[in-house]
């Protein structure tokens, strides 16, 4: 009787997880098609954008580099918030969302660290400078790379998830510091100041807006897709645990 009850509860839990995955799938497909359409318009707008008289064509990295930074920030914020909700509610789907946010955030942060030096070489004449923001961005990348390594090399379980949640929450502190570090240094940083209204020249606002929109959709698409994969892995692990073990003559 107890075995039947356990199997019934397992089936209900697996169905619930599959329902979550199905709902995510309903968003993923439209986002994918929207992303394809936006990429085409975005690419055309960047090509058509005016060339900066001072920096030249290298300035067009502007339409990629800051949006990548915003995606990295958002990914790490999702990791912190999902970890906070996991500690509060104890539901595993929030822990899986934290993993998804960290992975996509690290991807965006990596691309930001790649495009930044390319832009720096074209404007400053060197690939890297131990500028305050660049150094802090590299530290932010290492912090969340360590988060992913923690999740990869641990045995999993509630203890690991709780420790990772606290770690992810503390890491979020670096994000506002990274954004305002230029103001904190009082203009002594080599890095350009944060963009404000009127900072862009004529014809540059539209491609910059499209860049932010396109990369935001790409970010949402990747996070939901990665979250769905984590949910499928969890459901598969439950089904595997519920299968009879021939060696023992019963369920695991």
C-alpha atoms as a PDB file:
ATOM      1  CA  UNK A   1       0.000   0.000   0.000  1.00  0.00           C
ATOM      2  CA  UNK A   2       2.832   2.377   0.895  1.00  0.00           C
ATOM      3  CA  UNK A   3       4.631   1.561  -2.366  1.00  0.00           C
ATOM      4  CA  UNK A   4       1.474   2.369  -4.355  1.00  0.00           C
ATOM      5  CA  UNK A   5       1.115   5.658  -2.477  1.00  0.00           C
ATOM      6  CA  UNK A   6       4.750   6.568  -3.151  1.00  0.00           C
ATOM      7  CA  UNK A   7       4.374   5.749  -6.851  1.00  0.00           C
ATOM      8  CA  UNK A   8       1.172   7.830  -7.009  1.00  0.00           C
ATOM      9  CA  UNK A   9       2.877  10.806  -5.359  1.00  0.00           C
ATOM     10  CA  UNK A  10       5.830  10.432  -7.742  1.00  0.00           C
ATOM     11  CA  UNK A  11       3.507  10.394 -10.740  1.00  0.00           C
ATOM     12  CA  UNK A  12       1.702  13.503  -9.498  1.00  0.00           C
ATOM     13  CA  UNK A  13       5.006  15.318  -8.932  1.00  0.00           C
ATOM     14  CA  UNK A  14       6.294  14.300 -12.368  1.00  0.00           C
ATOM     15  CA  UNK A  15       3.056  15.494 -13.996  1.00  0.00           C
ATOM     16  CA  UNK A  16       3.318  18.812 -12.178  1.00  0.00           C
ATOM     17  CA  UNK A  17       6.861  19.284 -13.446  1.00  0.00           C
ATOM     18  CA  UNK A  18       5.810  18.360 -16.964  1.00  0.00           C
ATOM     19  CA  UNK A  19       3.044  20.970 -16.706  1.00  0.00           C
ATOM     20  CA  UNK A  20       5.630  23.643 -15.823  1.00  0.00           C
ATOM     21  CA  UNK A  21       7.744  22.576 -18.788  1.00  0.00           C
ATOM     22  CA  UNK A  22       4.730  22.726 -21.069  1.00  0.00           C
ATOM     23  CA  UNK A  23       3.959  26.270 -19.985  1.00  0.00           C
ATOM     24  CA  UNK A  24       7.569  27.284 -20.590  1.00  0.00           C
ATOM     25  CA  UNK A  25       7.416  25.736 -24.047  1.00  0.00           C
ATOM     26  CA  UNK A  26       4.442  27.921 -24.888  1.00  0.00           C
ATOM     27  CA  UNK A  27       6.659  31.001 -24.380  1.00  0.00           C
ATOM     28  CA  UNK A  28       9.889  29.640 -25.850  1.00  0.00           C
ATOM     29  CA  UNK A  29       8.666  29.022 -29.406  1.00  0.00           C
ATOM     30  CA  UNK A  30       7.154  32.520 -29.962  1.00  0.00           C
ATOM     31  CA  UNK A  31      10.238  34.126 -28.421  1.00  0.00           C
ATOM     32  CA  UNK A  32      12.421  32.180 -30.832  1.00  0.00           C
ATOM     33  CA  UNK A  33      10.536  33.460 -33.874  1.00  0.00           C
ATOM     34  CA  UNK A  34      10.477  36.983 -32.469  1.00  0.00           C
ATOM     35  CA  UNK A  35      14.235  36.795 -31.943  1.00  0.00           C
ATOM     36  CA  UNK A  36      14.827  35.767 -35.558  1.00  0.00           C
ATOM     37  CA  UNK A  37      12.775  38.723 -36.829  1.00  0.00           C
ATOM     38  CA  UNK A  38      14.435  41.184 -34.448  1.00  0.00           C
ATOM     39  CA  UNK A  39      17.930  40.013 -35.405  1.00  0.00           C
ATOM     40  CA  UNK A  40      17.273  40.843 -39.060  1.00  0.00           C
ATOM     41  CA  UNK A  41      15.957  44.343 -38.273  1.00  0.00           C
ATOM     42  CA  UNK A  42      18.700  44.904 -35.694  1.00  0.00           C
ATOM     43  CA  UNK A  43      21.487  43.943 -38.124  1.00  0.00           C
ATOM     44  CA  UNK A  44      20.083  46.264 -40.783  1.00  0.00           C
ATOM     45  CA  UNK A  45      19.810  49.172 -38.332  1.00  0.00           C
ATOM     46  CA  UNK A  46      23.441  48.750 -37.199  1.00  0.00           C
ATOM     47  CA  UNK A  47      24.698  48.634 -40.790  1.00  0.00           C
ATOM     48  CA  UNK A  48      22.633  51.713 -41.644  1.00  0.00           C
ATOM     49  CA  UNK A  49      23.676  53.639 -38.508  1.00  0.00           C
ATOM     50  CA  UNK A  50      25.982  56.646 -39.035  1.00  0.00           C
ATOM     51  CA  UNK A  51      29.723  56.236 -38.519  1.00  0.00           C
ATOM     52  CA  UNK A  52      31.151  58.208 -35.612  1.00  0.00           C
ATOM     53  CA  UNK A  53      33.507  60.984 -36.795  1.00  0.00           C
ATOM     54  CA  UNK A  54      35.970  60.422 -33.930  1.00  0.00           C
ATOM     55  CA  UNK A  55      36.041  56.656 -33.342  1.00  0.00           C
ATOM     56  CA  UNK A  56      35.083  55.484 -36.797  1.00  0.00           C
ATOM     57  CA  UNK A  57      33.309  52.225 -37.534  1.00  0.00           C
ATOM     58  CA  UNK A  58      34.610  50.602 -34.304  1.00  0.00           C
ATOM     59  CA  UNK A  59      32.075  52.750 -32.446  1.00  0.00           C
ATOM     60  CA  UNK A  60      29.279  50.490 -33.695  1.00  0.00           C
ATOM     61  CA  UNK A  61      30.221  48.021 -30.956  1.00  0.00           C
ATOM     62  CA  UNK A  62      28.184  50.439 -28.833  1.00  0.00           C
ATOM     63  CA  UNK A  63      25.062  48.716 -30.178  1.00  0.00           C
ATOM     64  CA  UNK A  64      26.246  45.379 -28.738  1.00  0.00           C
ATOM     65  CA  UNK A  65      28.477  46.015 -25.726  1.00  0.00           C
ATOM     66  CA  UNK A  66      26.136  47.873 -23.296  1.00  0.00           C
ATOM     67  CA  UNK A  67      23.145  45.591 -24.047  1.00  0.00           C
ATOM     68  CA  UNK A  68      25.373  42.620 -23.214  1.00  0.00           C
ATOM     69  CA  UNK A  69      26.214  44.285 -19.903  1.00  0.00           C
ATOM     70  CA  UNK A  70      22.528  44.753 -19.101  1.00  0.00           C
ATOM     71  CA  UNK A  71      21.911  41.072 -19.885  1.00  0.00           C
ATOM     72  CA  UNK A  72      24.734  40.023 -17.575  1.00  0.00           C
ATOM     73  CA  UNK A  73      23.338  42.203 -14.776  1.00  0.00           C
ATOM     74  CA  UNK A  74      19.843  40.814 -15.288  1.00  0.00           C
ATOM     75  CA  UNK A  75      21.048  37.217 -15.276  1.00  0.00           C
ATOM     76  CA  UNK A  76      22.859  37.658 -11.981  1.00  0.00           C
ATOM     77  CA  UNK A  77      19.895  39.518 -10.456  1.00  0.00           C
ATOM     78  CA  UNK A  78      17.636  36.615 -11.447  1.00  0.00           C
ATOM     79  CA  UNK A  79      20.086  34.234  -9.758  1.00  0.00           C
ATOM     80  CA  UNK A  80      19.959  36.266  -6.560  1.00  0.00           C
ATOM     81  CA  UNK A  81      16.181  36.732  -6.541  1.00  0.00           C
ATOM     82  CA  UNK A  82      15.482  33.084  -7.425  1.00  0.00           C
ATOM     83  CA  UNK A  83      17.874  32.011  -4.680  1.00  0.00           C
ATOM     84  CA  UNK A  84      16.077  34.275  -2.223  1.00  0.00           C
ATOM     85  CA  UNK A  85      12.680  32.816  -3.144  1.00  0.00           C
ATOM     86  CA  UNK A  86      14.136  29.300  -2.910  1.00  0.00           C
ATOM     87  CA  UNK A  87      15.318  29.978   0.651  1.00  0.00           C
ATOM     88  CA  UNK A  88      11.866  31.333   1.479  1.00  0.00           C
ATOM     89  CA  UNK A  89       9.645  28.781  -0.259  1.00  0.00           C
ATOM     90  CA  UNK A  90      11.986  25.777  -0.560  1.00  0.00           C
ATOM     91  CA  UNK A  91      10.719  24.899  -4.054  1.00  0.00           C
ATOM     92  CA  UNK A  92      13.270  23.358  -6.398  1.00  0.00           C
ATOM     93  CA  UNK A  93      12.047  25.131  -9.530  1.00  0.00           C
ATOM     94  CA  UNK A  94      13.389  28.409  -8.141  1.00  0.00           C
ATOM     95  CA  UNK A  95      16.767  26.810  -7.587  1.00  0.00           C
ATOM     96  CA  UNK A  96      16.721  25.665 -11.220  1.00  0.00           C
ATOM     97  CA  UNK A  97      15.823  29.201 -12.310  1.00  0.00           C
ATOM     98  CA  UNK A  98      18.821  30.496 -10.349  1.00  0.00           C
ATOM     99  CA  UNK A  99      21.087  28.127 -12.278  1.00  0.00           C
ATOM    100  CA  UNK A 100      19.581  29.235 -15.589  1.00  0.00           C
ATOM    101  CA  UNK A 101      20.046  32.907 -14.734  1.00  0.00           C
ATOM    102  CA  UNK A 102      23.675  32.382 -13.731  1.00  0.00           C
ATOM    103  CA  UNK A 103      24.553  30.414 -16.865  1.00  0.00           C
ATOM    104  CA  UNK A 104      23.009  32.921 -19.255  1.00  0.00           C
ATOM    105  CA  UNK A 105      24.428  35.811 -17.225  1.00  0.00           C
ATOM    106  CA  UNK A 106      27.933  34.332 -17.520  1.00  0.00           C
ATOM    107  CA  UNK A 107      27.472  33.963 -21.290  1.00  0.00           C
ATOM    108  CA  UNK A 108      26.475  37.616 -21.624  1.00  0.00           C
ATOM    109  CA  UNK A 109      29.266  38.725 -19.290  1.00  0.00           C
ATOM    110  CA  UNK A 110      31.815  36.708 -21.294  1.00  0.00           C
ATOM    111  CA  UNK A 111      30.685  38.317 -24.546  1.00  0.00           C
ATOM    112  CA  UNK A 112      30.853  41.706 -22.846  1.00  0.00           C
ATOM    113  CA  UNK A 113      34.451  41.004 -21.804  1.00  0.00           C
ATOM    114  CA  UNK A 114      35.249  40.016 -25.404  1.00  0.00           C
ATOM    115  CA  UNK A 115      33.644  43.007 -27.129  1.00  0.00           C
ATOM    116  CA  UNK A 116      34.998  45.486 -24.577  1.00  0.00           C
ATOM    117  CA  UNK A 117      38.697  44.920 -25.377  1.00  0.00           C
ATOM    118  CA  UNK A 118      37.953  45.035 -29.117  1.00  0.00           C
ATOM    119  CA  UNK A 119      36.398  48.462 -28.611  1.00  0.00           C
ATOM    120  CA  UNK A 120      39.260  49.492 -26.309  1.00  0.00           C
ATOM    121  CA  UNK A 121      41.868  48.529 -28.905  1.00  0.00           C
ATOM    122  CA  UNK A 122      40.168  50.730 -31.475  1.00  0.00           C
ATOM    123  CA  UNK A 123      39.792  53.745 -29.162  1.00  0.00           C
ATOM    124  CA  UNK A 124      42.470  53.511 -26.443  1.00  0.00           C
ATOM    125  CA  UNK A 125      45.073  51.708 -28.552  1.00  0.00           C
ATOM    126  CA  UNK A 126      45.370  48.720 -26.203  1.00  0.00           C
ATOM    127  CA  UNK A 127      43.322  45.626 -25.515  1.00  0.00           C
ATOM    128  CA  UNK A 128      43.073  45.902 -21.742  1.00  0.00           C
ATOM    129  CA  UNK A 129      43.551  48.427 -18.997  1.00  0.00           C
ATOM    130  CA  UNK A 130      43.158  47.781 -15.289  1.00  0.00           C
ATOM    131  CA  UNK A 131      40.437  50.390 -15.246  1.00  0.00           C
ATOM    132  CA  UNK A 132      38.107  50.327 -12.224  1.00  0.00           C
ATOM    133  CA  UNK A 133      35.047  49.134 -14.152  1.00  0.00           C
ATOM    134  CA  UNK A 134      36.956  46.616 -16.247  1.00  0.00           C
ATOM    135  CA  UNK A 135      38.570  45.120 -13.153  1.00  0.00           C
ATOM    136  CA  UNK A 136      35.279  44.944 -11.273  1.00  0.00           C
ATOM    137  CA  UNK A 137      33.537  43.404 -14.288  1.00  0.00           C
ATOM    138  CA  UNK A 138      36.201  40.716 -14.429  1.00  0.00           C
ATOM    139  CA  UNK A 139      35.666  40.088 -10.711  1.00  0.00           C
ATOM    140  CA  UNK A 140      31.907  39.827 -11.293  1.00  0.00           C
ATOM    141  CA  UNK A 141      32.543  37.255 -14.031  1.00  0.00           C
ATOM    142  CA  UNK A 142      34.753  35.199 -11.713  1.00  0.00           C
ATOM    143  CA  UNK A 143      32.169  35.338  -8.921  1.00  0.00           C
ATOM    144  CA  UNK A 144      29.421  33.785 -11.022  1.00  0.00           C
ATOM    145  CA  UNK A 145      31.778  31.423 -12.810  1.00  0.00           C
ATOM    146  CA  UNK A 146      32.651  30.123  -9.339  1.00  0.00           C
ATOM    147  CA  UNK A 147      28.896  29.781  -8.689  1.00  0.00           C
ATOM    148  CA  UNK A 148      28.548  27.531 -11.743  1.00  0.00           C
ATOM    149  CA  UNK A 149      31.617  25.516 -10.778  1.00  0.00           C
ATOM    150  CA  UNK A 150      30.134  25.055  -7.315  1.00  0.00           C
ATOM    151  CA  UNK A 151      26.953  23.659  -8.845  1.00  0.00           C
ATOM    152  CA  UNK A 152      28.856  21.467 -11.325  1.00  0.00           C
ATOM    153  CA  UNK A 153      31.298  19.806  -8.943  1.00  0.00           C
ATOM    154  CA  UNK A 154      28.980  19.319  -5.970  1.00  0.00           C
ATOM    155  CA  UNK A 155      26.757  16.320  -5.392  1.00  0.00           C
ATOM    156  CA  UNK A 156      23.653  18.499  -5.425  1.00  0.00           C
ATOM    157  CA  UNK A 157      20.923  18.307  -2.837  1.00  0.00           C
ATOM    158  CA  UNK A 158      19.279  20.826  -0.552  1.00  0.00           C
ATOM    159  CA  UNK A 159      22.471  21.797   1.290  1.00  0.00           C
ATOM    160  CA  UNK A 160      24.260  22.735  -1.938  1.00  0.00           C
ATOM    161  CA  UNK A 161      21.213  24.605  -3.222  1.00  0.00           C
ATOM    162  CA  UNK A 162      20.920  26.646  -0.037  1.00  0.00           C
ATOM    163  CA  UNK A 163      24.617  27.524   0.023  1.00  0.00           C
ATOM    164  CA  UNK A 164      24.489  28.483  -3.673  1.00  0.00           C
ATOM    165  CA  UNK A 165      21.419  30.637  -3.022  1.00  0.00           C
ATOM    166  CA  UNK A 166      23.218  32.618  -0.311  1.00  0.00           C
ATOM    167  CA  UNK A 167      26.293  32.940  -2.536  1.00  0.00           C
ATOM    168  CA  UNK A 168      24.186  34.190  -5.453  1.00  0.00           C
ATOM    169  CA  UNK A 169      22.411  36.745  -3.274  1.00  0.00           C
ATOM    170  CA  UNK A 170      25.708  38.153  -1.957  1.00  0.00           C
ATOM    171  CA  UNK A 171      27.116  38.352  -5.484  1.00  0.00           C
ATOM    172  CA  UNK A 172      24.363  40.765  -6.508  1.00  0.00           C
ATOM    173  CA  UNK A 173      26.022  43.420  -4.335  1.00  0.00           C
ATOM    174  CA  UNK A 174      28.698  43.811  -7.021  1.00  0.00           C
ATOM    175  CA  UNK A 175      26.179  44.856  -9.693  1.00  0.00           C
ATOM    176  CA  UNK A 176      25.273  48.391  -8.470  1.00  0.00           C
ATOM    177  CA  UNK A 177      28.916  48.875  -7.510  1.00  0.00           C
ATOM    178  CA  UNK A 178      29.946  47.921 -11.043  1.00  0.00           C
ATOM    179  CA  UNK A 179      27.426  50.304 -12.593  1.00  0.00           C
ATOM    180  CA  UNK A 180      28.261  53.330 -10.409  1.00  0.00           C
ATOM    181  CA  UNK A 181      32.003  52.755 -10.101  1.00  0.00           C
ATOM    182  CA  UNK A 182      32.721  55.548 -12.607  1.00  0.00           C
ATOM    183  CA  UNK A 183      30.819  58.098 -10.511  1.00  0.00           C
ATOM    184  CA  UNK A 184      32.534  56.782  -7.377  1.00  0.00           C
ATOM    185  CA  UNK A 185      35.947  57.390  -8.964  1.00  0.00           C
ATOM    186  CA  UNK A 186      34.895  60.912  -9.898  1.00  0.00           C
ATOM    187  CA  UNK A 187      35.789  60.763 -13.582  1.00  0.00           C
ATOM    188  CA  UNK A 188      39.255  59.259 -13.005  1.00  0.00           C
ATOM    189  CA  UNK A 189      38.220  56.088 -14.827  1.00  0.00           C
ATOM    190  CA  UNK A 190      39.278  55.523 -18.443  1.00  0.00           C
ATOM    191  CA  UNK A 191      35.949  53.866 -19.149  1.00  0.00           C
ATOM    192  CA  UNK A 192      33.282  56.123 -20.739  1.00  0.00           C
ATOM    193  CA  UNK A 193      30.559  57.436 -18.472  1.00  0.00           C
ATOM    194  CA  UNK A 194      27.183  55.703 -18.294  1.00  0.00           C
ATOM    195  CA  UNK A 195      24.858  56.601 -21.139  1.00  0.00           C
ATOM    196  CA  UNK A 196      22.264  59.258 -20.371  1.00  0.00           C
ATOM    197  CA  UNK A 197      19.521  60.990 -22.329  1.00  0.00           C
ATOM    198  CA  UNK A 198      21.134  62.930 -25.179  1.00  0.00           C
ATOM    199  CA  UNK A 199      24.415  60.985 -25.017  1.00  0.00           C
ATOM    200  CA  UNK A 200      23.923  59.418 -28.457  1.00  0.00           C
ATOM    201  CA  UNK A 201      24.332  61.279 -31.703  1.00  0.00           C
ATOM    202  CA  UNK A 202      21.747  61.668 -34.443  1.00  0.00           C
ATOM    203  CA  UNK A 203      20.683  58.342 -35.935  1.00  0.00           C
ATOM    204  CA  UNK A 204      22.243  56.276 -33.138  1.00  0.00           C
ATOM    205  CA  UNK A 205      19.279  56.020 -30.786  1.00  0.00           C
ATOM    206  CA  UNK A 206      17.189  53.660 -32.939  1.00  0.00           C
ATOM    207  CA  UNK A 207      19.871  50.949 -33.466  1.00  0.00           C
ATOM    208  CA  UNK A 208      20.841  51.208 -29.796  1.00  0.00           C
ATOM    209  CA  UNK A 209      17.217  50.684 -28.765  1.00  0.00           C
ATOM    210  CA  UNK A 210      16.899  47.739 -31.144  1.00  0.00           C
ATOM    211  CA  UNK A 211      20.116  46.272 -29.752  1.00  0.00           C
ATOM    212  CA  UNK A 212      18.748  46.365 -26.229  1.00  0.00           C
ATOM    213  CA  UNK A 213      15.417  44.902 -27.289  1.00  0.00           C
ATOM    214  CA  UNK A 214      16.967  42.121 -29.386  1.00  0.00           C
ATOM    215  CA  UNK A 215      19.449  41.052 -26.748  1.00  0.00           C
ATOM    216  CA  UNK A 216      16.757  41.193 -24.064  1.00  0.00           C
ATOM    217  CA  UNK A 217      14.609  38.797 -26.102  1.00  0.00           C
ATOM    218  CA  UNK A 218      17.681  36.591 -26.652  1.00  0.00           C
ATOM    219  CA  UNK A 219      18.307  36.650 -22.906  1.00  0.00           C
ATOM    220  CA  UNK A 220      14.700  35.703 -22.075  1.00  0.00           C
ATOM    221  CA  UNK A 221      14.734  32.941 -24.690  1.00  0.00           C
ATOM    222  CA  UNK A 222      17.945  31.385 -23.333  1.00  0.00           C
ATOM    223  CA  UNK A 223      16.872  31.618 -19.683  1.00  0.00           C
ATOM    224  CA  UNK A 224      13.517  29.958 -20.327  1.00  0.00           C
ATOM    225  CA  UNK A 225      15.126  27.294 -22.512  1.00  0.00           C
ATOM    226  CA  UNK A 226      17.761  26.540 -19.882  1.00  0.00           C
ATOM    227  CA  UNK A 227      15.134  26.507 -17.130  1.00  0.00           C
ATOM    228  CA  UNK A 228      13.081  24.056 -19.157  1.00  0.00           C
ATOM    229  CA  UNK A 229      16.084  21.761 -19.587  1.00  0.00           C
ATOM    230  CA  UNK A 230      16.700  21.773 -15.835  1.00  0.00           C
ATOM    231  CA  UNK A 231      13.043  20.910 -15.246  1.00  0.00           C
ATOM    232  CA  UNK A 232      13.233  18.017 -17.711  1.00  0.00           C
ATOM    233  CA  UNK A 233      16.336  16.695 -15.982  1.00  0.00           C
ATOM    234  CA  UNK A 234      14.578  16.838 -12.618  1.00  0.00           C
ATOM    235  CA  UNK A 235      11.519  15.016 -14.000  1.00  0.00           C
ATOM    236  CA  UNK A 236      13.731  12.379 -15.599  1.00  0.00           C
ATOM    237  CA  UNK A 237      15.570  11.858 -12.319  1.00  0.00           C
ATOM    238  CA  UNK A 238      12.243  11.302 -10.538  1.00  0.00           C
ATOM    239  CA  UNK A 239      11.093   8.808 -13.154  1.00  0.00           C
ATOM    240  CA  UNK A 240      14.413   6.981 -12.955  1.00  0.00           C
ATOM    241  CA  UNK A 241      14.205   6.791  -9.153  1.00  0.00           C
ATOM    242  CA  UNK A 242      10.693   5.364  -9.380  1.00  0.00           C
ATOM    243  CA  UNK A 243      11.636   2.591 -11.813  1.00  0.00           C
ATOM    244  CA  UNK A 244      11.918  -0.945 -10.372  1.00  0.00           C
ATOM    245  CA  UNK A 245      15.463  -2.073  -9.654  1.00  0.00           C
ATOM    246  CA  UNK A 246      15.864  -5.630 -11.056  1.00  0.00           C
ATOM    247  CA  UNK A 247      18.884  -6.240  -8.859  1.00  0.00           C
ATOM    248  CA  UNK A 248      16.865  -5.566  -5.721  1.00  0.00           C
ATOM    249  CA  UNK A 249      13.531  -6.817  -6.938  1.00  0.00           C
ATOM    250  CA  UNK A 250      11.715  -3.570  -6.210  1.00  0.00           C
ATOM    251  CA  UNK A 251      11.742   0.173  -6.573  1.00  0.00           C
ATOM    252  CA  UNK A 252      14.837   2.260  -5.854  1.00  0.00           C
END
